[in-house]
Amino acid sequence: MDWATSDLTDRNLYKLLVNTVLPRPIALVTTVDGNGNVNAAPFSFFNIFSHAPPLVVLGIEGREPAEAPLKDTMRNIRTTGSFVVNLVDRALVEAMTICAIDLPSGIDELAAAGLTSAPSRQVAAPRIAPSPVQLECRETVSLSLGTRHRNLVVGEIVHLHIRDGLVDSNFHVDIDALDLVGRLHGADWYVTTRDRFQVPRQSYDTWRAQQQAVRANKDEGEP
């Protein structure tokens, strides 16, 4: 089966993409508005883009009403030029889903979800204290895309926090203890990082030697 994306409705294209490009890491993003009010919202159109400089990318969809097209997260990033990405472990999932609710204006998502905050070192928005990894970011560039007020945000990580005990003296992270989750298909499915396998990366010389051995075995088997 194949389709030109121009032949698909937005909804069907969304279903095909989010059900095939997975698992997707989750950014529980905290921001503040011009008055210091905190907002928290999760996004799975998110990833690390580079380490030098250290960059993250966020895809933020807008709202339908024309009078208020930007979500609080995007509006706050434009106002303050900064945000915090809080990664989500298994213990945070239920609270994260509460932050995803379209709560009425004036309701504090962190309070509604029972989450405590901690001050950041270099940006205005607070961190979510129970999160195992928190990335303080400054907006590098934002691009408005499409007709539904979608925005692509690139942010530079200026400070990072990782829970004590997760990183050893060689900067190796205990992945099992980190226990992060990713977004899967549909609205309600997630996956942990517990099920994984390792495939060593090969050098060109190793690969070439293997290919030569395969050819030699084939030649020996010929009459």
N, C-alpha and C. Protein backbone atom coordinates (compact mmCIF):
# COMPACT_ATOMS: atom_id res chain seq x y z
N MET A 1 0.85 -1.19 0.00
CA MET A 1 0.00 0.00 0.00
C MET A 1 0.88 1.25 0.00
N ASP A 2 0.45 2.26 -0.71
CA ASP A 2 1.19 3.51 -0.70
C ASP A 2 0.24 4.65 -1.05
N TRP A 3 0.62 5.84 -0.59
CA TRP A 3 -0.22 7.02 -0.79
C TRP A 3 0.67 8.23 -1.05
N ALA A 4 0.19 9.15 -1.86
CA ALA A 4 0.74 10.50 -1.87
C ALA A 4 0.15 11.22 -0.66
N THR A 5 1.00 11.88 0.10
CA THR A 5 0.49 12.52 1.32
C THR A 5 -0.59 13.56 1.00
N SER A 6 -0.52 14.14 -0.20
CA SER A 6 -1.52 15.13 -0.58
C SER A 6 -2.91 14.52 -0.79
N ASP A 7 -2.97 13.19 -0.94
CA ASP A 7 -4.26 12.51 -1.13
C ASP A 7 -4.91 12.09 0.19
N LEU A 8 -4.20 12.26 1.29
CA LEU A 8 -4.71 11.83 2.59
C LEU A 8 -5.28 12.99 3.37
N THR A 9 -6.32 12.73 4.15
CA THR A 9 -6.83 13.73 5.06
C THR A 9 -5.82 13.93 6.19
N ASP A 10 -5.90 15.06 6.87
CA ASP A 10 -4.99 15.31 7.99
C ASP A 10 -5.08 14.19 9.02
N ARG A 11 -6.31 13.76 9.31
CA ARG A 11 -6.51 12.74 10.35
C ARG A 11 -5.89 11.40 9.95
N ASN A 12 -6.09 10.99 8.70
CA ASN A 12 -5.55 9.70 8.28
C ASN A 12 -4.02 9.75 8.17
N LEU A 13 -3.48 10.88 7.74
CA LEU A 13 -2.03 11.01 7.69
C LEU A 13 -1.44 10.97 9.10
N TYR A 14 -2.12 11.64 10.03
CA TYR A 14 -1.68 11.60 11.43
C TYR A 14 -1.65 10.16 11.95
N LYS A 15 -2.72 9.40 11.67
CA LYS A 15 -2.78 8.02 12.17
C LYS A 15 -1.65 7.17 11.59
N LEU A 16 -1.36 7.35 10.32
CA LEU A 16 -0.29 6.55 9.71
C LEU A 16 1.07 6.91 10.28
N LEU A 17 1.33 8.18 10.50
CA LEU A 17 2.64 8.60 10.98
C LEU A 17 2.88 8.23 12.44
N VAL A 18 1.91 8.52 13.30
CA VAL A 18 2.14 8.26 14.73
C VAL A 18 2.06 6.78 15.06
N ASN A 19 1.50 5.98 14.16
CA ASN A 19 1.45 4.55 14.39
C ASN A 19 2.61 3.80 13.74
N THR A 20 3.49 4.53 13.06
CA THR A 20 4.65 3.88 12.44
C THR A 20 5.97 4.48 12.92
N VAL A 21 6.02 5.76 13.18
CA VAL A 21 7.25 6.38 13.69
C VAL A 21 7.20 6.30 15.21
N LEU A 22 7.74 5.22 15.74
CA LEU A 22 7.62 4.97 17.18
C LEU A 22 8.69 3.98 17.64
N PRO A 23 8.95 3.94 18.95
CA PRO A 23 8.38 4.80 19.98
C PRO A 23 8.95 6.21 19.90
N ARG A 24 8.19 7.17 20.43
CA ARG A 24 8.62 8.56 20.41
C ARG A 24 8.86 9.01 21.84
N PRO A 25 10.00 9.67 22.11
CA PRO A 25 10.25 10.17 23.47
C PRO A 25 9.24 11.25 23.82
N ILE A 26 9.01 11.45 25.10
CA ILE A 26 8.01 12.40 25.58
C ILE A 26 8.70 13.55 26.31
N ALA A 27 8.36 14.77 25.90
CA ALA A 27 8.84 15.97 26.59
C ALA A 27 7.67 16.55 27.38
N LEU A 28 7.77 16.55 28.68
CA LEU A 28 6.79 17.24 29.52
C LEU A 28 7.37 18.64 29.73
N VAL A 29 6.85 19.61 28.98
CA VAL A 29 7.47 20.93 28.87
C VAL A 29 6.84 21.89 29.87
N THR A 30 7.68 22.56 30.64
CA THR A 30 7.22 23.62 31.54
C THR A 30 7.67 24.97 31.00
N THR A 31 6.74 25.94 31.07
CA THR A 31 7.01 27.30 30.64
C THR A 31 6.33 28.25 31.62
N VAL A 32 6.64 29.53 31.51
CA VAL A 32 5.93 30.55 32.28
C VAL A 32 5.51 31.67 31.34
N ASP A 33 4.41 32.35 31.68
CA ASP A 33 3.98 33.49 30.90
C ASP A 33 4.64 34.77 31.43
N GLY A 34 4.24 35.91 30.91
CA GLY A 34 4.84 37.16 31.31
C GLY A 34 4.61 37.53 32.76
N ASN A 35 3.58 36.91 33.38
CA ASN A 35 3.27 37.17 34.78
C ASN A 35 3.83 36.12 35.72
N GLY A 36 4.58 35.15 35.17
CA GLY A 36 5.17 34.11 35.99
C GLY A 36 4.28 32.91 36.25
N ASN A 37 3.12 32.85 35.58
CA ASN A 37 2.23 31.70 35.75
C ASN A 37 2.81 30.50 34.99
N VAL A 38 2.80 29.34 35.64
CA VAL A 38 3.44 28.14 35.10
C VAL A 38 2.46 27.32 34.28
N ASN A 39 2.95 26.80 33.16
CA ASN A 39 2.18 25.86 32.33
C ASN A 39 3.01 24.60 32.15
N ALA A 40 2.34 23.45 32.10
CA ALA A 40 3.01 22.17 31.84
C ALA A 40 2.20 21.39 30.83
N ALA A 41 2.86 20.88 29.79
CA ALA A 41 2.16 20.13 28.74
C ALA A 41 3.12 19.13 28.10
N PRO A 42 2.62 17.92 27.79
CA PRO A 42 3.48 16.91 27.18
C PRO A 42 3.42 16.97 25.65
N PHE A 43 4.55 16.62 25.03
CA PHE A 43 4.66 16.58 23.57
C PHE A 43 5.50 15.37 23.17
N SER A 44 5.00 14.61 22.18
CA SER A 44 5.78 13.47 21.70
C SER A 44 6.35 13.72 20.31
N PHE A 45 6.08 14.90 19.72
CA PHE A 45 6.82 15.31 18.53
C PHE A 45 8.04 16.07 19.05
N PHE A 46 9.03 15.30 19.50
CA PHE A 46 10.16 15.84 20.25
C PHE A 46 11.36 14.93 20.10
N ASN A 47 12.55 15.54 20.06
CA ASN A 47 13.76 14.72 20.11
C ASN A 47 14.99 15.62 20.30
N ILE A 48 16.13 14.96 20.56
CA ILE A 48 17.41 15.63 20.56
C ILE A 48 17.84 15.81 19.10
N PHE A 49 18.34 16.99 18.78
CA PHE A 49 18.72 17.29 17.40
C PHE A 49 20.23 17.29 17.22
N SER A 50 20.96 17.68 18.25
CA SER A 50 22.42 17.80 18.15
C SER A 50 23.00 17.86 19.55
N HIS A 51 24.29 17.50 19.66
CA HIS A 51 24.96 17.65 20.96
C HIS A 51 25.98 18.78 20.94
N ALA A 52 26.36 19.25 19.76
CA ALA A 52 27.34 20.33 19.68
C ALA A 52 26.93 21.28 18.53
N PRO A 53 26.10 22.27 18.80
CA PRO A 53 25.58 22.65 20.12
C PRO A 53 24.47 21.69 20.57
N PRO A 54 24.19 21.65 21.88
CA PRO A 54 23.16 20.75 22.39
C PRO A 54 21.76 21.31 22.11
N LEU A 55 21.05 20.70 21.17
CA LEU A 55 19.77 21.22 20.71
C LEU A 55 18.66 20.19 20.86
N VAL A 56 17.46 20.67 21.18
CA VAL A 56 16.25 19.86 21.14
C VAL A 56 15.29 20.49 20.14
N VAL A 57 14.38 19.66 19.62
CA VAL A 57 13.33 20.16 18.73
C VAL A 57 11.98 19.75 19.29
N LEU A 58 11.03 20.67 19.20
CA LEU A 58 9.66 20.43 19.63
C LEU A 58 8.71 20.76 18.48
N GLY A 59 7.75 19.90 18.24
CA GLY A 59 6.67 20.19 17.31
C GLY A 59 5.42 20.50 18.11
N ILE A 60 4.90 21.72 17.97
CA ILE A 60 3.76 22.16 18.77
C ILE A 60 2.61 22.52 17.85
N GLU A 61 1.52 21.79 17.96
CA GLU A 61 0.34 22.07 17.15
C GLU A 61 -0.46 23.20 17.78
N GLY A 62 -1.07 24.03 16.94
CA GLY A 62 -1.87 25.14 17.44
C GLY A 62 -3.28 24.74 17.80
N ARG A 63 -4.05 25.71 18.20
CA ARG A 63 -5.45 25.50 18.54
C ARG A 63 -6.32 25.87 17.35
N GLU A 64 -7.55 25.37 17.34
CA GLU A 64 -8.47 25.66 16.26
C GLU A 64 -9.03 27.09 16.29
N PRO A 65 -9.48 27.61 17.45
CA PRO A 65 -10.09 28.94 17.44
C PRO A 65 -9.13 30.00 16.92
N ALA A 66 -9.61 30.80 15.97
CA ALA A 66 -8.75 31.80 15.36
C ALA A 66 -8.34 32.88 16.34
N GLU A 67 -9.18 33.13 17.36
CA GLU A 67 -8.87 34.21 18.29
C GLU A 67 -7.75 33.84 19.26
N ALA A 68 -7.45 32.56 19.41
CA ALA A 68 -6.38 32.13 20.31
C ALA A 68 -5.69 30.92 19.70
N PRO A 69 -4.95 31.13 18.59
CA PRO A 69 -4.42 29.99 17.83
C PRO A 69 -3.25 29.28 18.49
N LEU A 70 -2.51 29.97 19.36
CA LEU A 70 -1.32 29.37 19.95
C LEU A 70 -1.63 28.69 21.27
N LYS A 71 -1.05 27.53 21.47
CA LYS A 71 -1.14 26.88 22.77
C LYS A 71 -0.31 27.66 23.77
N ASP A 72 -0.64 27.46 25.05
CA ASP A 72 0.07 28.20 26.10
C ASP A 72 1.57 28.01 26.01
N THR A 73 2.00 26.78 25.71
CA THR A 73 3.43 26.49 25.64
C THR A 73 4.12 27.36 24.60
N MET A 74 3.55 27.42 23.40
CA MET A 74 4.16 28.19 22.33
C MET A 74 4.13 29.68 22.64
N ARG A 75 3.02 30.15 23.15
CA ARG A 75 2.90 31.57 23.49
C ARG A 75 3.92 31.96 24.57
N ASN A 76 4.09 31.08 25.56
CA ASN A 76 5.04 31.37 26.63
C ASN A 76 6.48 31.34 26.14
N ILE A 77 6.79 30.42 25.23
CA ILE A 77 8.15 30.37 24.67
C ILE A 77 8.44 31.65 23.91
N ARG A 78 7.46 32.14 23.17
CA ARG A 78 7.67 33.39 22.45
C ARG A 78 7.84 34.56 23.41
N THR A 79 7.16 34.50 24.54
CA THR A 79 7.23 35.60 25.50
C THR A 79 8.56 35.61 26.25
N THR A 80 9.00 34.44 26.72
CA THR A 80 10.18 34.38 27.58
C THR A 80 11.43 33.90 26.87
N GLY A 81 11.27 33.23 25.69
CA GLY A 81 12.43 32.71 24.97
C GLY A 81 13.07 31.51 25.63
N SER A 82 12.30 30.80 26.47
CA SER A 82 12.90 29.66 27.17
C SER A 82 11.84 28.65 27.58
N PHE A 83 12.30 27.45 27.96
CA PHE A 83 11.41 26.39 28.42
C PHE A 83 12.25 25.31 29.06
N VAL A 84 11.60 24.37 29.74
CA VAL A 84 12.28 23.23 30.33
C VAL A 84 11.63 21.95 29.81
N VAL A 85 12.46 21.04 29.31
CA VAL A 85 12.00 19.70 28.93
C VAL A 85 12.24 18.77 30.11
N ASN A 86 11.15 18.22 30.64
CA ASN A 86 11.22 17.24 31.73
C ASN A 86 10.90 15.87 31.13
N LEU A 87 11.84 14.95 31.19
CA LEU A 87 11.60 13.61 30.64
C LEU A 87 10.70 12.82 31.58
N VAL A 88 9.97 11.86 30.99
CA VAL A 88 8.92 11.15 31.72
C VAL A 88 9.33 9.71 31.98
N ASP A 89 9.42 9.33 33.24
CA ASP A 89 9.64 7.92 33.58
C ASP A 89 8.31 7.26 33.90
N ARG A 90 8.35 5.98 34.21
CA ARG A 90 7.10 5.23 34.41
C ARG A 90 6.29 5.81 35.57
N ALA A 91 6.97 6.29 36.60
CA ALA A 91 6.26 6.82 37.76
C ALA A 91 5.53 8.12 37.46
N LEU A 92 5.93 8.82 36.40
CA LEU A 92 5.34 10.12 36.06
C LEU A 92 4.20 10.04 35.05
N VAL A 93 3.94 8.86 34.50
CA VAL A 93 3.00 8.75 33.38
C VAL A 93 1.61 9.27 33.74
N GLU A 94 1.08 8.84 34.86
CA GLU A 94 -0.29 9.24 35.21
C GLU A 94 -0.37 10.76 35.39
N ALA A 95 0.60 11.35 36.05
CA ALA A 95 0.61 12.81 36.22
C ALA A 95 0.76 13.50 34.88
N MET A 96 1.58 12.94 34.00
CA MET A 96 1.76 13.52 32.68
C MET A 96 0.46 13.58 31.91
N THR A 97 -0.36 12.52 32.01
CA THR A 97 -1.64 12.52 31.29
C THR A 97 -2.59 13.59 31.83
N ILE A 98 -2.48 13.93 33.10
CA ILE A 98 -3.30 15.02 33.64
C ILE A 98 -2.85 16.35 33.05
N CYS A 99 -1.55 16.52 32.89
CA CYS A 99 -1.03 17.76 32.29
C CYS A 99 -1.46 17.88 30.83
N ALA A 100 -1.85 16.76 30.20
CA ALA A 100 -2.30 16.79 28.80
C ALA A 100 -3.75 17.24 28.68
N ILE A 101 -4.49 17.29 29.78
CA ILE A 101 -5.88 17.72 29.74
C ILE A 101 -5.95 19.20 29.38
N ASP A 102 -6.90 19.56 28.54
CA ASP A 102 -7.09 20.97 28.18
C ASP A 102 -7.85 21.66 29.31
N LEU A 103 -7.12 21.98 30.37
CA LEU A 103 -7.72 22.56 31.57
C LEU A 103 -8.11 24.01 31.32
N PRO A 104 -9.14 24.50 31.99
CA PRO A 104 -9.52 25.91 31.84
C PRO A 104 -8.39 26.83 32.27
N SER A 105 -8.36 28.01 31.68
CA SER A 105 -7.33 28.99 32.01
C SER A 105 -7.38 29.30 33.50
N GLY A 106 -6.21 29.40 34.09
CA GLY A 106 -6.12 29.71 35.51
C GLY A 106 -5.89 28.51 36.39
N ILE A 107 -6.09 27.29 35.86
CA ILE A 107 -5.83 26.09 36.64
C ILE A 107 -4.38 25.67 36.45
N ASP A 108 -3.69 25.47 37.54
CA ASP A 108 -2.28 25.10 37.54
C ASP A 108 -2.16 23.60 37.24
N GLU A 109 -1.56 23.25 36.09
CA GLU A 109 -1.43 21.84 35.71
C GLU A 109 -0.59 21.06 36.71
N LEU A 110 0.48 21.67 37.21
CA LEU A 110 1.33 20.95 38.15
C LEU A 110 0.57 20.64 39.44
N ALA A 111 -0.20 21.60 39.92
CA ALA A 111 -0.99 21.37 41.12
C ALA A 111 -2.05 20.31 40.88
N ALA A 112 -2.71 20.39 39.72
CA ALA A 112 -3.75 19.41 39.39
C ALA A 112 -3.18 18.01 39.32
N ALA A 113 -1.95 17.89 38.83
CA ALA A 113 -1.31 16.58 38.68
C ALA A 113 -0.57 16.14 39.93
N GLY A 114 -0.53 16.98 40.95
CA GLY A 114 0.17 16.64 42.18
C GLY A 114 1.68 16.63 42.05
N LEU A 115 2.19 17.47 41.15
CA LEU A 115 3.63 17.51 40.89
C LEU A 115 4.27 18.71 41.59
N THR A 116 5.44 18.50 42.15
CA THR A 116 6.19 19.58 42.78
C THR A 116 7.21 20.14 41.79
N SER A 117 7.50 21.42 41.92
CA SER A 117 8.46 22.06 41.02
C SER A 117 9.72 22.43 41.77
N ALA A 118 10.75 22.75 41.01
CA ALA A 118 12.02 23.22 41.56
C ALA A 118 12.52 24.33 40.66
N PRO A 119 13.17 25.35 41.21
CA PRO A 119 13.65 26.46 40.36
C PRO A 119 14.75 26.00 39.41
N SER A 120 14.73 26.56 38.22
CA SER A 120 15.79 26.30 37.25
C SER A 120 16.99 27.18 37.56
N ARG A 121 18.14 26.85 36.97
CA ARG A 121 19.36 27.61 37.20
C ARG A 121 19.50 28.79 36.21
N GLN A 122 19.05 28.58 34.96
CA GLN A 122 19.34 29.60 33.94
C GLN A 122 18.11 30.08 33.16
N VAL A 123 16.94 29.52 33.39
CA VAL A 123 15.74 29.98 32.68
C VAL A 123 14.64 30.26 33.68
N ALA A 124 13.60 30.96 33.22
CA ALA A 124 12.53 31.39 34.12
C ALA A 124 11.62 30.25 34.54
N ALA A 125 11.35 29.33 33.62
CA ALA A 125 10.40 28.24 33.92
C ALA A 125 10.98 27.30 34.97
N PRO A 126 10.14 26.77 35.85
CA PRO A 126 10.63 25.80 36.83
C PRO A 126 10.77 24.42 36.22
N ARG A 127 11.51 23.57 36.93
CA ARG A 127 11.63 22.16 36.57
C ARG A 127 10.58 21.37 37.33
N ILE A 128 10.28 20.17 36.82
CA ILE A 128 9.41 19.25 37.55
C ILE A 128 10.31 18.35 38.38
N ALA A 129 10.26 18.51 39.69
CA ALA A 129 11.21 17.86 40.59
C ALA A 129 11.25 16.34 40.46
N PRO A 130 10.12 15.64 40.32
CA PRO A 130 10.19 14.17 40.24
C PRO A 130 10.74 13.64 38.92
N SER A 131 10.88 14.48 37.92
CA SER A 131 11.38 14.01 36.63
C SER A 131 12.85 13.58 36.77
N PRO A 132 13.23 12.45 36.16
CA PRO A 132 14.62 11.99 36.31
C PRO A 132 15.63 12.82 35.52
N VAL A 133 15.16 13.50 34.47
CA VAL A 133 16.03 14.33 33.64
C VAL A 133 15.29 15.61 33.29
N GLN A 134 15.95 16.75 33.51
CA GLN A 134 15.34 18.04 33.20
C GLN A 134 16.34 18.86 32.38
N LEU A 135 15.90 19.36 31.25
CA LEU A 135 16.76 20.09 30.32
C LEU A 135 16.29 21.54 30.23
N GLU A 136 17.07 22.44 30.78
CA GLU A 136 16.75 23.87 30.67
C GLU A 136 17.16 24.34 29.29
N CYS A 137 16.24 24.97 28.57
CA CYS A 137 16.48 25.33 27.17
C CYS A 137 16.16 26.80 26.90
N ARG A 138 16.95 27.38 26.03
CA ARG A 138 16.66 28.70 25.49
C ARG A 138 16.28 28.56 24.02
N GLU A 139 15.24 29.26 23.63
CA GLU A 139 14.77 29.21 22.25
C GLU A 139 15.87 29.70 21.31
N THR A 140 16.18 28.89 20.31
CA THR A 140 17.14 29.29 19.27
C THR A 140 16.41 29.88 18.08
N VAL A 141 15.41 29.14 17.59
CA VAL A 141 14.59 29.61 16.47
C VAL A 141 13.26 28.88 16.51
N SER A 142 12.20 29.54 16.07
CA SER A 142 10.89 28.92 15.94
C SER A 142 10.37 29.19 14.54
N LEU A 143 9.80 28.16 13.92
CA LEU A 143 9.28 28.28 12.57
C LEU A 143 7.79 27.99 12.58
N SER A 144 6.99 28.86 11.99
CA SER A 144 5.56 28.62 11.84
C SER A 144 5.34 27.82 10.57
N LEU A 145 4.59 26.71 10.68
CA LEU A 145 4.43 25.80 9.56
C LEU A 145 2.96 25.50 9.32
N GLY A 146 2.57 25.38 8.06
CA GLY A 146 1.24 24.92 7.72
C GLY A 146 0.15 25.92 8.03
N THR A 147 -1.07 25.42 8.01
CA THR A 147 -2.23 26.28 8.17
C THR A 147 -2.92 26.13 9.51
N ARG A 148 -2.39 25.30 10.39
CA ARG A 148 -3.04 25.07 11.68
C ARG A 148 -2.18 25.59 12.83
N HIS A 149 -1.44 26.65 12.53
CA HIS A 149 -0.64 27.32 13.55
C HIS A 149 0.35 26.36 14.21
N ARG A 150 0.90 25.46 13.41
CA ARG A 150 1.94 24.57 13.93
C ARG A 150 3.27 25.31 13.99
N ASN A 151 4.04 24.95 14.99
CA ASN A 151 5.35 25.58 15.16
C ASN A 151 6.40 24.53 15.44
N LEU A 152 7.57 24.72 14.85
CA LEU A 152 8.74 23.90 15.14
C LEU A 152 9.68 24.77 15.96
N VAL A 153 9.99 24.32 17.17
CA VAL A 153 10.84 25.07 18.08
C VAL A 153 12.17 24.36 18.23
N VAL A 154 13.25 25.08 18.01
CA VAL A 154 14.59 24.57 18.28
C VAL A 154 15.11 25.29 19.52
N GLY A 155 15.51 24.53 20.52
CA GLY A 155 16.01 25.12 21.75
C GLY A 155 17.39 24.60 22.09
N GLU A 156 18.24 25.47 22.60
CA GLU A 156 19.57 25.06 23.04
C GLU A 156 19.53 24.71 24.53
N ILE A 157 20.05 23.54 24.87
CA ILE A 157 20.12 23.13 26.27
C ILE A 157 21.24 23.91 26.94
N VAL A 158 20.89 24.69 27.95
CA VAL A 158 21.90 25.50 28.65
C VAL A 158 22.24 24.94 30.02
N HIS A 159 21.41 24.04 30.52
CA HIS A 159 21.68 23.42 31.82
C HIS A 159 20.90 22.11 31.87
N LEU A 160 21.50 21.07 32.38
CA LEU A 160 20.78 19.80 32.50
C LEU A 160 20.91 19.25 33.91
N HIS A 161 19.86 18.60 34.34
CA HIS A 161 19.78 18.00 35.68
C HIS A 161 19.43 16.53 35.50
N ILE A 162 20.18 15.66 36.16
CA ILE A 162 19.90 14.23 36.15
C ILE A 162 19.87 13.74 37.59
N ARG A 163 18.89 12.96 37.91
CA ARG A 163 18.69 12.48 39.29
C ARG A 163 19.96 11.83 39.83
N ASP A 164 20.28 12.13 41.07
CA ASP A 164 21.45 11.54 41.72
C ASP A 164 21.37 10.02 41.67
N GLY A 165 22.52 9.40 41.42
CA GLY A 165 22.58 7.94 41.39
C GLY A 165 22.39 7.34 40.01
N LEU A 166 22.03 8.15 39.00
CA LEU A 166 21.79 7.62 37.67
C LEU A 166 23.03 7.68 36.78
N VAL A 167 24.01 8.51 37.15
CA VAL A 167 25.20 8.69 36.32
C VAL A 167 26.45 8.35 37.14
N ASP A 168 27.34 7.52 36.57
CA ASP A 168 28.55 7.17 37.31
C ASP A 168 29.68 8.13 36.96
N SER A 169 30.87 7.87 37.48
CA SER A 169 32.00 8.78 37.30
C SER A 169 32.47 8.86 35.86
N ASN A 170 32.10 7.89 35.03
CA ASN A 170 32.46 7.90 33.62
C ASN A 170 31.35 8.46 32.74
N PHE A 171 30.33 9.06 33.37
CA PHE A 171 29.18 9.63 32.67
C PHE A 171 28.33 8.56 31.96
N HIS A 172 28.37 7.34 32.47
CA HIS A 172 27.49 6.29 31.98
C HIS A 172 26.18 6.35 32.76
N VAL A 173 25.06 6.30 32.04
CA VAL A 173 23.75 6.42 32.65
C VAL A 173 23.16 5.03 32.88
N ASP A 174 22.57 4.83 34.05
CA ASP A 174 21.89 3.58 34.38
C ASP A 174 20.51 3.60 33.72
N ILE A 175 20.41 3.01 32.54
CA ILE A 175 19.18 3.08 31.75
C ILE A 175 18.01 2.41 32.46
N ASP A 176 18.28 1.28 33.14
CA ASP A 176 17.19 0.60 33.84
C ASP A 176 16.63 1.46 34.96
N ALA A 177 17.51 2.10 35.71
CA ALA A 177 17.05 2.96 36.80
C ALA A 177 16.37 4.22 36.26
N LEU A 178 16.79 4.68 35.09
CA LEU A 178 16.17 5.84 34.46
C LEU A 178 14.70 5.57 34.15
N ASP A 179 14.41 4.40 33.59
CA ASP A 179 13.04 3.90 33.41
C ASP A 179 12.15 4.86 32.62
N LEU A 180 12.68 5.41 31.52
CA LEU A 180 11.88 6.32 30.70
C LEU A 180 10.83 5.56 29.91
N VAL A 181 9.79 6.30 29.50
CA VAL A 181 8.74 5.72 28.66
C VAL A 181 8.67 6.50 27.36
N GLY A 182 8.13 5.85 26.31
CA GLY A 182 7.92 6.49 25.02
C GLY A 182 6.48 6.34 24.60
N ARG A 183 6.07 7.17 23.68
CA ARG A 183 4.71 7.14 23.17
C ARG A 183 4.61 6.12 22.04
N LEU A 184 3.53 5.33 22.07
CA LEU A 184 3.27 4.37 21.01
C LEU A 184 2.04 4.81 20.22
N HIS A 185 1.31 3.84 19.68
CA HIS A 185 0.19 4.11 18.81
C HIS A 185 -1.05 4.52 19.61
N GLY A 186 -1.97 5.15 18.91
CA GLY A 186 -3.23 5.52 19.54
C GLY A 186 -3.04 6.56 20.63
N ALA A 187 -4.06 6.71 21.43
CA ALA A 187 -4.04 7.74 22.47
C ALA A 187 -3.53 7.22 23.81
N ASP A 188 -3.50 5.92 24.00
CA ASP A 188 -3.31 5.40 25.35
C ASP A 188 -2.14 4.44 25.51
N TRP A 189 -1.33 4.24 24.48
CA TRP A 189 -0.30 3.22 24.55
C TRP A 189 1.09 3.82 24.70
N TYR A 190 1.86 3.20 25.60
CA TYR A 190 3.22 3.64 25.89
C TYR A 190 4.13 2.42 25.97
N VAL A 191 5.43 2.66 25.96
CA VAL A 191 6.40 1.57 26.05
C VAL A 191 7.53 2.02 26.95
N THR A 192 8.13 1.07 27.65
CA THR A 192 9.30 1.37 28.47
C THR A 192 10.57 0.99 27.71
N THR A 193 11.71 1.27 28.31
CA THR A 193 12.99 0.94 27.68
C THR A 193 13.55 -0.39 28.18
N ARG A 194 12.73 -1.16 28.84
CA ARG A 194 13.23 -2.42 29.41
C ARG A 194 13.53 -3.48 28.35
N ASP A 195 12.76 -3.51 27.27
CA ASP A 195 12.95 -4.52 26.23
C ASP A 195 13.88 -3.95 25.16
N ARG A 196 15.13 -4.40 25.15
CA ARG A 196 16.09 -3.86 24.19
C ARG A 196 17.12 -4.93 23.84
N PHE A 197 17.82 -4.71 22.75
CA PHE A 197 18.88 -5.63 22.34
C PHE A 197 20.04 -4.82 21.79
N GLN A 198 21.19 -5.46 21.71
CA GLN A 198 22.41 -4.76 21.31
C GLN A 198 22.96 -5.35 20.03
N VAL A 199 23.33 -4.50 19.10
CA VAL A 199 23.99 -4.90 17.86
C VAL A 199 25.24 -4.03 17.71
N PRO A 200 26.43 -4.60 17.88
CA PRO A 200 27.66 -3.79 17.80
C PRO A 200 27.82 -3.13 16.43
N ARG A 201 28.29 -1.91 16.44
CA ARG A 201 28.57 -1.21 15.19
C ARG A 201 29.88 -1.72 14.62
N GLN A 202 29.90 -1.95 13.29
CA GLN A 202 31.09 -2.51 12.65
C GLN A 202 31.92 -1.43 11.98
N SER A 203 33.22 -1.68 11.91
CA SER A 203 34.11 -0.84 11.11
C SER A 203 34.08 -1.36 9.67
N TYR A 204 34.58 -0.55 8.76
CA TYR A 204 34.64 -0.99 7.37
C TYR A 204 35.53 -2.22 7.22
N ASP A 205 36.68 -2.25 7.92
CA ASP A 205 37.59 -3.39 7.80
C ASP A 205 36.95 -4.68 8.29
N THR A 206 36.18 -4.59 9.39
CA THR A 206 35.50 -5.78 9.91
C THR A 206 34.45 -6.27 8.92
N TRP A 207 33.67 -5.34 8.37
CA TRP A 207 32.64 -5.71 7.41
C TRP A 207 33.25 -6.34 6.17
N ARG A 208 34.36 -5.76 5.66
CA ARG A 208 35.02 -6.28 4.46
C ARG A 208 35.55 -7.68 4.70
N ALA A 209 36.13 -7.92 5.89
CA ALA A 209 36.65 -9.25 6.21
C ALA A 209 35.52 -10.27 6.24
N GLN A 210 34.36 -9.87 6.78
CA GLN A 210 33.22 -10.78 6.82
C GLN A 210 32.73 -11.11 5.41
N GLN A 211 32.69 -10.09 4.54
CA GLN A 211 32.25 -10.33 3.17
C GLN A 211 33.22 -11.25 2.43
N GLN A 212 34.52 -11.08 2.67
CA GLN A 212 35.51 -11.94 2.04
C GLN A 212 35.37 -13.38 2.52
N ALA A 213 35.07 -13.54 3.82
CA ALA A 213 34.89 -14.88 4.36
C ALA A 213 33.66 -15.55 3.76
N VAL A 214 32.59 -14.76 3.56
CA VAL A 214 31.38 -15.32 2.95
C VAL A 214 31.66 -15.77 1.52
N ARG A 215 32.37 -14.93 0.76
CA ARG A 215 32.69 -15.31 -0.62
C ARG A 215 33.59 -16.54 -0.67
N ALA A 216 34.56 -16.61 0.26
CA ALA A 216 35.46 -17.76 0.29
C ALA A 216 34.69 -19.05 0.58
N ASN A 217 33.74 -18.98 1.49
CA ASN A 217 32.93 -20.17 1.81
C ASN A 217 32.09 -20.60 0.63
N LYS A 218 31.56 -19.61 -0.13
CA LYS A 218 30.77 -19.96 -1.30
C LYS A 218 31.65 -20.63 -2.36
N ASP A 219 32.87 -20.08 -2.54
CA ASP A 219 33.77 -20.64 -3.54
C ASP A 219 34.16 -22.08 -3.18
N GLU A 220 34.39 -22.33 -1.90
CA GLU A 220 34.78 -23.69 -1.47
C GLU A 220 33.63 -24.68 -1.68
N GLY A 221 32.40 -24.17 -1.64
CA GLY A 221 31.26 -25.07 -1.78
C GLY A 221 30.90 -25.35 -3.22
N GLU A 222 31.51 -24.61 -4.16
CA GLU A 222 31.20 -24.83 -5.57
C GLU A 222 31.92 -26.08 -6.10
N PRO A 223 31.31 -26.84 -7.04
CA PRO A 223 31.95 -28.04 -7.59
C PRO A 223 33.13 -27.67 -8.49
